[in-house]
Amino acid sequence: MVNYGLLLAALAGLVSLVWLVAAFVVGRGDLLNAQQQGSAPAQALGRAEGWRRYKAHADESLTLIDNGGDDSYQKDYLAQQKLLGPDPEPLIAAGTGGRGGSGSDVAAQARAWYQAHAALRAKDDGGSHAAASAVRAERRRRH
């Protein structure tokens, strides 16, 4: 004699198991797609932008160290500044949903850095290399 209740319960369990596996596979695929389309490019951009900031800081320092009249480091700095953006506010605001907050802080810090670099270059180009080096040393001490 066949127990139809037990057979029906086993069938329901099998359907539930198939449903669970299918939901897991679909969810995993959506997660991987989201990572490929969203967080992975954002992380790559963040690493690249961080590298550009370090490169720009290094070029700024090397410009002060190299007093031979060669402006190659300054040219490299300006190239990195252009890649970072002279005014990163729109990019940062887009990344934070226009909510301000830390994005606005980063944009303000970037503008302050660009202004300080311009002042530093003005001192160095004006013949006040020691004053420019002191300004750079003070900025590095604070950060």
N, C-alpha and C. Protein backbone atom coordinates (compact mmCIF):
# COMPACT_ATOMS: atom_id res chain seq x y z
N MET A 1 0.83 -1.17 0.00
CA MET A 1 0.00 0.00 0.00
C MET A 1 0.88 1.25 0.00
N VAL A 2 0.54 2.21 -0.82
CA VAL A 2 1.29 3.45 -0.99
C VAL A 2 0.72 4.51 -0.05
N ASN A 3 1.63 5.17 0.67
CA ASN A 3 1.22 6.26 1.57
C ASN A 3 1.24 7.55 0.75
N TYR A 4 0.05 7.98 0.34
CA TYR A 4 -0.04 9.16 -0.53
C TYR A 4 0.37 10.44 0.21
N GLY A 5 0.14 10.52 1.46
CA GLY A 5 0.56 11.69 2.25
C GLY A 5 2.08 11.84 2.25
N LEU A 6 2.78 10.73 2.47
CA LEU A 6 4.23 10.75 2.47
C LEU A 6 4.78 11.05 1.07
N LEU A 7 4.16 10.51 0.06
CA LEU A 7 4.55 10.78 -1.32
C LEU A 7 4.36 12.26 -1.67
N LEU A 8 3.24 12.82 -1.25
CA LEU A 8 2.96 14.25 -1.49
C LEU A 8 3.95 15.13 -0.73
N ALA A 9 4.29 14.77 0.50
CA ALA A 9 5.27 15.54 1.29
C ALA A 9 6.66 15.47 0.65
N ALA A 10 7.03 14.30 0.15
CA ALA A 10 8.33 14.16 -0.51
C ALA A 10 8.37 14.98 -1.78
N LEU A 11 7.29 14.99 -2.54
CA LEU A 11 7.22 15.79 -3.75
C LEU A 11 7.30 17.29 -3.42
N ALA A 12 6.60 17.71 -2.38
CA ALA A 12 6.65 19.12 -1.96
C ALA A 12 8.06 19.49 -1.52
N GLY A 13 8.74 18.59 -0.80
CA GLY A 13 10.12 18.84 -0.38
C GLY A 13 11.05 18.96 -1.58
N LEU A 14 10.85 18.11 -2.57
CA LEU A 14 11.68 18.15 -3.78
C LEU A 14 11.45 19.45 -4.55
N VAL A 15 10.20 19.87 -4.68
CA VAL A 15 9.89 21.14 -5.35
C VAL A 15 10.52 22.31 -4.59
N SER A 16 10.45 22.27 -3.26
CA SER A 16 11.06 23.33 -2.45
C SER A 16 12.57 23.37 -2.63
N LEU A 17 13.19 22.21 -2.69
CA LEU A 17 14.64 22.14 -2.89
C LEU A 17 15.04 22.70 -4.26
N VAL A 18 14.30 22.33 -5.30
CA VAL A 18 14.57 22.86 -6.64
C VAL A 18 14.38 24.38 -6.65
N TRP A 19 13.32 24.86 -6.00
CA TRP A 19 13.05 26.30 -5.92
C TRP A 19 14.21 27.02 -5.21
N LEU A 20 14.69 26.46 -4.12
CA LEU A 20 15.79 27.06 -3.36
C LEU A 20 17.07 27.12 -4.19
N VAL A 21 17.40 26.05 -4.87
CA VAL A 21 18.61 26.01 -5.70
C VAL A 21 18.49 27.01 -6.85
N ALA A 22 17.33 27.06 -7.48
CA ALA A 22 17.13 28.01 -8.59
C ALA A 22 17.25 29.45 -8.09
N ALA A 23 16.66 29.75 -6.94
CA ALA A 23 16.74 31.10 -6.39
C ALA A 23 18.19 31.45 -6.03
N PHE A 24 18.93 30.50 -5.50
CA PHE A 24 20.33 30.74 -5.17
C PHE A 24 21.14 31.03 -6.43
N VAL A 25 20.95 30.24 -7.48
CA VAL A 25 21.69 30.41 -8.73
C VAL A 25 21.37 31.76 -9.36
N VAL A 26 20.09 32.13 -9.40
CA VAL A 26 19.70 33.43 -9.97
C VAL A 26 20.25 34.57 -9.12
N GLY A 27 20.15 34.45 -7.80
CA GLY A 27 20.68 35.49 -6.91
C GLY A 27 22.18 35.65 -7.04
N ARG A 28 22.87 34.55 -7.14
CA ARG A 28 24.34 34.59 -7.30
C ARG A 28 24.71 35.25 -8.62
N GLY A 29 23.98 34.93 -9.68
CA GLY A 29 24.23 35.55 -10.98
C GLY A 29 23.99 37.06 -10.93
N ASP A 30 22.92 37.46 -10.26
CA ASP A 30 22.64 38.90 -10.13
C ASP A 30 23.73 39.60 -9.32
N LEU A 31 24.21 38.93 -8.26
CA LEU A 31 25.27 39.50 -7.44
C LEU A 31 26.55 39.67 -8.25
N LEU A 32 26.93 38.64 -8.99
CA LEU A 32 28.15 38.74 -9.82
C LEU A 32 28.01 39.82 -10.88
N ASN A 33 26.84 39.91 -11.49
CA ASN A 33 26.60 40.96 -12.49
C ASN A 33 26.69 42.34 -11.85
N ALA A 34 26.13 42.50 -10.67
CA ALA A 34 26.19 43.79 -9.97
C ALA A 34 27.63 44.16 -9.65
N GLN A 35 28.43 43.18 -9.23
CA GLN A 35 29.83 43.45 -8.93
C GLN A 35 30.59 43.87 -10.18
N GLN A 36 30.32 43.18 -11.29
CA GLN A 36 31.02 43.50 -12.54
C GLN A 36 30.60 44.86 -13.07
N GLN A 37 29.34 45.20 -12.93
CA GLN A 37 28.84 46.45 -13.49
C GLN A 37 28.98 47.64 -12.54
N GLY A 38 29.11 47.38 -11.24
CA GLY A 38 29.10 48.48 -10.29
C GLY A 38 30.34 48.60 -9.44
N SER A 39 30.50 47.70 -8.48
CA SER A 39 31.56 47.88 -7.50
C SER A 39 32.96 47.64 -8.06
N ALA A 40 33.13 46.70 -8.97
CA ALA A 40 34.48 46.45 -9.51
C ALA A 40 35.01 47.66 -10.28
N PRO A 41 34.24 48.28 -11.20
CA PRO A 41 34.75 49.48 -11.86
C PRO A 41 34.97 50.64 -10.88
N ALA A 42 34.10 50.75 -9.89
CA ALA A 42 34.27 51.83 -8.91
C ALA A 42 35.54 51.64 -8.10
N GLN A 43 35.84 50.40 -7.72
CA GLN A 43 37.07 50.13 -6.99
C GLN A 43 38.30 50.39 -7.86
N ALA A 44 38.23 49.99 -9.12
CA ALA A 44 39.34 50.24 -10.03
C ALA A 44 39.56 51.74 -10.20
N LEU A 45 38.47 52.49 -10.34
CA LEU A 45 38.59 53.94 -10.47
C LEU A 45 39.18 54.54 -9.20
N GLY A 46 38.74 54.06 -8.06
CA GLY A 46 39.28 54.55 -6.80
C GLY A 46 40.76 54.29 -6.66
N ARG A 47 41.19 53.08 -7.04
CA ARG A 47 42.64 52.77 -6.98
C ARG A 47 43.42 53.64 -7.95
N ALA A 48 42.88 53.82 -9.15
CA ALA A 48 43.57 54.65 -10.14
C ALA A 48 43.64 56.09 -9.68
N GLU A 49 42.55 56.59 -9.11
CA GLU A 49 42.54 57.98 -8.65
C GLU A 49 43.51 58.16 -7.49
N GLY A 50 43.55 57.17 -6.59
CA GLY A 50 44.50 57.25 -5.47
C GLY A 50 45.93 57.25 -5.97
N TRP A 51 46.21 56.41 -6.97
CA TRP A 51 47.55 56.38 -7.55
C TRP A 51 47.89 57.73 -8.16
N ARG A 52 46.93 58.34 -8.85
CA ARG A 52 47.19 59.65 -9.46
C ARG A 52 47.48 60.71 -8.40
N ARG A 53 46.75 60.66 -7.27
CA ARG A 53 47.02 61.62 -6.20
C ARG A 53 48.43 61.45 -5.66
N TYR A 54 48.84 60.18 -5.42
CA TYR A 54 50.21 59.94 -4.93
C TYR A 54 51.24 60.40 -5.95
N LYS A 55 50.97 60.13 -7.21
CA LYS A 55 51.89 60.55 -8.28
C LYS A 55 51.98 62.07 -8.32
N ALA A 56 50.85 62.74 -8.19
CA ALA A 56 50.86 64.21 -8.21
C ALA A 56 51.63 64.76 -7.01
N HIS A 57 51.44 64.18 -5.83
CA HIS A 57 52.20 64.62 -4.65
C HIS A 57 53.69 64.41 -4.86
N ALA A 58 54.04 63.26 -5.43
CA ALA A 58 55.45 62.97 -5.70
C ALA A 58 56.02 63.95 -6.71
N ASP A 59 55.28 64.23 -7.77
CA ASP A 59 55.75 65.19 -8.78
C ASP A 59 55.92 66.58 -8.18
N GLU A 60 55.02 66.95 -7.28
CA GLU A 60 55.13 68.24 -6.61
C GLU A 60 56.42 68.31 -5.81
N SER A 61 56.72 67.25 -5.07
CA SER A 61 57.95 67.21 -4.28
C SER A 61 59.19 67.20 -5.17
N LEU A 62 59.15 66.39 -6.23
CA LEU A 62 60.30 66.31 -7.13
C LEU A 62 60.55 67.62 -7.86
N THR A 63 59.50 68.39 -8.12
CA THR A 63 59.68 69.70 -8.74
C THR A 63 60.50 70.61 -7.83
N LEU A 64 60.22 70.54 -6.53
CA LEU A 64 60.99 71.35 -5.59
C LEU A 64 62.42 70.86 -5.44
N ILE A 65 62.59 69.53 -5.47
CA ILE A 65 63.93 68.97 -5.32
C ILE A 65 64.79 69.30 -6.53
N ASP A 66 64.21 69.18 -7.72
CA ASP A 66 64.95 69.42 -8.97
C ASP A 66 64.99 70.92 -9.24
N ASN A 67 66.10 71.51 -8.91
CA ASN A 67 66.24 72.97 -9.08
C ASN A 67 67.00 73.30 -10.35
N GLY A 68 67.12 72.35 -11.26
CA GLY A 68 67.91 72.56 -12.45
C GLY A 68 67.19 73.26 -13.59
N GLY A 69 65.95 73.67 -13.36
CA GLY A 69 65.21 74.37 -14.41
C GLY A 69 64.38 73.45 -15.29
N ASP A 70 64.49 72.14 -15.06
CA ASP A 70 63.70 71.18 -15.84
C ASP A 70 62.29 71.12 -15.26
N ASP A 71 61.28 71.41 -16.09
CA ASP A 71 59.90 71.45 -15.62
C ASP A 71 59.14 70.15 -15.90
N SER A 72 59.86 69.05 -16.13
CA SER A 72 59.17 67.81 -16.48
C SER A 72 58.28 67.31 -15.34
N TYR A 73 58.73 67.47 -14.09
CA TYR A 73 57.91 67.02 -12.97
C TYR A 73 56.67 67.89 -12.82
N GLN A 74 56.82 69.19 -13.05
CA GLN A 74 55.67 70.08 -13.00
C GLN A 74 54.68 69.74 -14.11
N LYS A 75 55.19 69.41 -15.28
CA LYS A 75 54.31 68.98 -16.37
C LYS A 75 53.57 67.70 -16.00
N ASP A 76 54.29 66.76 -15.36
CA ASP A 76 53.64 65.53 -14.91
C ASP A 76 52.57 65.83 -13.86
N TYR A 77 52.88 66.75 -12.93
CA TYR A 77 51.91 67.14 -11.92
C TYR A 77 50.65 67.70 -12.58
N LEU A 78 50.82 68.59 -13.53
CA LEU A 78 49.67 69.20 -14.21
C LEU A 78 48.87 68.17 -14.98
N ALA A 79 49.56 67.18 -15.55
CA ALA A 79 48.84 66.11 -16.25
C ALA A 79 48.00 65.30 -15.26
N GLN A 80 48.57 64.99 -14.09
CA GLN A 80 47.82 64.24 -13.08
C GLN A 80 46.65 65.08 -12.55
N GLN A 81 46.89 66.38 -12.37
CA GLN A 81 45.81 67.26 -11.90
C GLN A 81 44.68 67.29 -12.91
N LYS A 82 45.03 67.31 -14.18
CA LYS A 82 43.99 67.31 -15.22
C LYS A 82 43.21 66.00 -15.20
N LEU A 83 43.91 64.87 -15.00
CA LEU A 83 43.21 63.58 -14.93
C LEU A 83 42.33 63.49 -13.69
N LEU A 84 42.82 64.05 -12.57
CA LEU A 84 42.01 64.06 -11.36
C LEU A 84 40.85 65.03 -11.48
N GLY A 85 41.03 66.04 -12.29
CA GLY A 85 39.98 67.03 -12.49
C GLY A 85 40.28 68.29 -11.72
N PRO A 86 40.25 69.42 -12.42
CA PRO A 86 40.50 70.67 -11.70
C PRO A 86 39.41 70.98 -10.70
N ASP A 87 38.21 70.46 -10.91
CA ASP A 87 37.12 70.67 -9.97
C ASP A 87 36.33 69.37 -9.89
N PRO A 88 36.68 68.49 -8.94
CA PRO A 88 36.06 67.17 -8.89
C PRO A 88 34.64 67.18 -8.34
N GLU A 89 34.10 68.33 -7.98
CA GLU A 89 32.78 68.40 -7.35
C GLU A 89 31.69 67.67 -8.13
N PRO A 90 31.54 67.87 -9.45
CA PRO A 90 30.45 67.16 -10.14
C PRO A 90 30.59 65.64 -10.08
N LEU A 91 31.81 65.12 -10.25
CA LEU A 91 32.03 63.68 -10.20
C LEU A 91 31.74 63.14 -8.80
N ILE A 92 32.23 63.85 -7.79
CA ILE A 92 32.02 63.40 -6.42
C ILE A 92 30.55 63.51 -6.04
N ALA A 93 29.90 64.60 -6.45
CA ALA A 93 28.48 64.77 -6.14
C ALA A 93 27.67 63.66 -6.81
N ALA A 94 28.05 63.28 -8.01
CA ALA A 94 27.34 62.20 -8.69
C ALA A 94 27.55 60.89 -7.95
N GLY A 95 28.75 60.69 -7.44
CA GLY A 95 29.04 59.45 -6.72
C GLY A 95 28.36 59.37 -5.37
N THR A 96 28.04 60.52 -4.75
CA THR A 96 27.36 60.51 -3.46
C THR A 96 25.88 60.81 -3.61
N GLY A 97 25.38 60.83 -4.84
CA GLY A 97 23.97 61.09 -5.05
C GLY A 97 23.60 62.55 -4.83
N GLY A 98 24.60 63.43 -4.88
CA GLY A 98 24.33 64.85 -4.70
C GLY A 98 24.02 65.23 -3.26
N ARG A 99 24.33 64.33 -2.33
CA ARG A 99 23.98 64.58 -0.93
C ARG A 99 25.02 65.42 -0.21
N GLY A 100 26.12 65.73 -0.85
CA GLY A 100 27.16 66.51 -0.18
C GLY A 100 27.94 65.60 0.74
N GLY A 101 28.11 66.02 1.97
CA GLY A 101 28.81 65.20 2.95
C GLY A 101 30.26 65.03 2.60
N SER A 102 30.76 63.81 2.66
CA SER A 102 32.18 63.55 2.45
C SER A 102 32.62 63.90 1.04
N GLY A 103 31.73 63.79 0.06
CA GLY A 103 32.08 64.18 -1.30
C GLY A 103 32.41 65.65 -1.39
N SER A 104 31.63 66.48 -0.71
CA SER A 104 31.91 67.91 -0.69
C SER A 104 33.22 68.20 0.02
N ASP A 105 33.49 67.44 1.08
CA ASP A 105 34.75 67.61 1.81
C ASP A 105 35.94 67.27 0.92
N VAL A 106 35.84 66.19 0.16
CA VAL A 106 36.93 65.78 -0.72
C VAL A 106 37.14 66.84 -1.80
N ALA A 107 36.06 67.36 -2.36
CA ALA A 107 36.18 68.39 -3.39
C ALA A 107 36.82 69.65 -2.81
N ALA A 108 36.44 70.03 -1.61
CA ALA A 108 37.04 71.20 -0.97
C ALA A 108 38.52 70.98 -0.70
N GLN A 109 38.87 69.78 -0.26
CA GLN A 109 40.28 69.46 -0.02
C GLN A 109 41.08 69.50 -1.32
N ALA A 110 40.49 69.00 -2.40
CA ALA A 110 41.18 69.01 -3.69
C ALA A 110 41.41 70.44 -4.15
N ARG A 111 40.38 71.28 -4.06
CA ARG A 111 40.55 72.69 -4.46
C ARG A 111 41.60 73.38 -3.59
N ALA A 112 41.60 73.09 -2.28
CA ALA A 112 42.60 73.70 -1.38
C ALA A 112 44.00 73.24 -1.76
N TRP A 113 44.13 71.94 -2.12
CA TRP A 113 45.45 71.44 -2.53
C TRP A 113 45.91 72.14 -3.80
N TYR A 114 45.04 72.28 -4.78
CA TYR A 114 45.41 72.94 -6.04
C TYR A 114 45.81 74.39 -5.79
N GLN A 115 45.09 75.09 -4.92
CA GLN A 115 45.43 76.48 -4.61
C GLN A 115 46.77 76.55 -3.87
N ALA A 116 46.98 75.63 -2.92
CA ALA A 116 48.25 75.63 -2.19
C ALA A 116 49.41 75.31 -3.13
N HIS A 117 49.18 74.40 -4.07
CA HIS A 117 50.23 74.08 -5.04
C HIS A 117 50.56 75.31 -5.90
N ALA A 118 49.53 76.02 -6.32
CA ALA A 118 49.77 77.23 -7.13
C ALA A 118 50.57 78.26 -6.33
N ALA A 119 50.24 78.42 -5.05
CA ALA A 119 50.99 79.36 -4.21
C ALA A 119 52.43 78.89 -4.02
N LEU A 120 52.60 77.59 -3.81
CA LEU A 120 53.93 77.02 -3.66
C LEU A 120 54.76 77.24 -4.91
N ARG A 121 54.15 76.98 -6.08
CA ARG A 121 54.87 77.18 -7.35
C ARG A 121 55.21 78.65 -7.55
N ALA A 122 54.32 79.54 -7.16
CA ALA A 122 54.59 80.98 -7.30
C ALA A 122 55.81 81.37 -6.47
N LYS A 123 55.91 80.84 -5.25
CA LYS A 123 57.08 81.14 -4.41
C LYS A 123 58.35 80.58 -5.03
N ASP A 124 58.28 79.32 -5.47
CA ASP A 124 59.47 78.68 -6.04
C ASP A 124 59.88 79.37 -7.34
N ASP A 125 58.91 79.66 -8.20
CA ASP A 125 59.23 80.32 -9.47
C ASP A 125 59.70 81.75 -9.25
N GLY A 126 59.28 82.36 -8.14
CA GLY A 126 59.70 83.72 -7.82
C GLY A 126 61.07 83.79 -7.15
N GLY A 127 61.72 82.65 -6.99
CA GLY A 127 63.07 82.65 -6.42
C GLY A 127 63.10 82.33 -4.94
N SER A 128 61.98 82.09 -4.31
CA SER A 128 61.94 81.78 -2.88
C SER A 128 61.82 80.27 -2.68
N HIS A 129 62.86 79.58 -3.12
CA HIS A 129 62.85 78.12 -3.05
C HIS A 129 62.76 77.64 -1.60
N ALA A 130 63.48 78.28 -0.70
CA ALA A 130 63.46 77.86 0.71
C ALA A 130 62.07 78.03 1.30
N ALA A 131 61.39 79.14 0.96
CA ALA A 131 60.04 79.37 1.46
C ALA A 131 59.07 78.34 0.89
N ALA A 132 59.24 78.02 -0.39
CA ALA A 132 58.37 77.02 -1.02
C ALA A 132 58.59 75.65 -0.38
N SER A 133 59.85 75.31 -0.12
CA SER A 133 60.14 74.03 0.52
C SER A 133 59.57 73.98 1.93
N ALA A 134 59.62 75.10 2.64
CA ALA A 134 59.06 75.15 3.99
C ALA A 134 57.54 74.97 3.95
N VAL A 135 56.89 75.59 2.97
CA VAL A 135 55.43 75.43 2.82
C VAL A 135 55.10 73.97 2.54
N ARG A 136 55.86 73.32 1.66
CA ARG A 136 55.63 71.92 1.32
C ARG A 136 55.85 71.03 2.54
N ALA A 137 56.90 71.31 3.31
CA ALA A 137 57.19 70.52 4.51
C ALA A 137 56.05 70.68 5.53
N GLU A 138 55.54 71.87 5.69
CA GLU A 138 54.44 72.12 6.62
C GLU A 138 53.18 71.39 6.18
N ARG A 139 52.88 71.42 4.89
CA ARG A 139 51.71 70.71 4.37
C ARG A 139 51.84 69.20 4.59
N ARG A 140 53.03 68.67 4.39
CA ARG A 140 53.23 67.23 4.59
C ARG A 140 53.13 66.87 6.06
N ARG A 141 53.59 67.77 6.94
CA ARG A 141 53.51 67.51 8.37
C ARG A 141 52.05 67.45 8.82
N ARG A 142 51.21 68.31 8.27
CA ARG A 142 49.80 68.35 8.67
C ARG A 142 49.02 67.17 8.11
N HIS A 143 49.47 66.59 7.01
CA HIS A 143 48.72 65.49 6.40
C HIS A 143 49.50 64.28 6.57
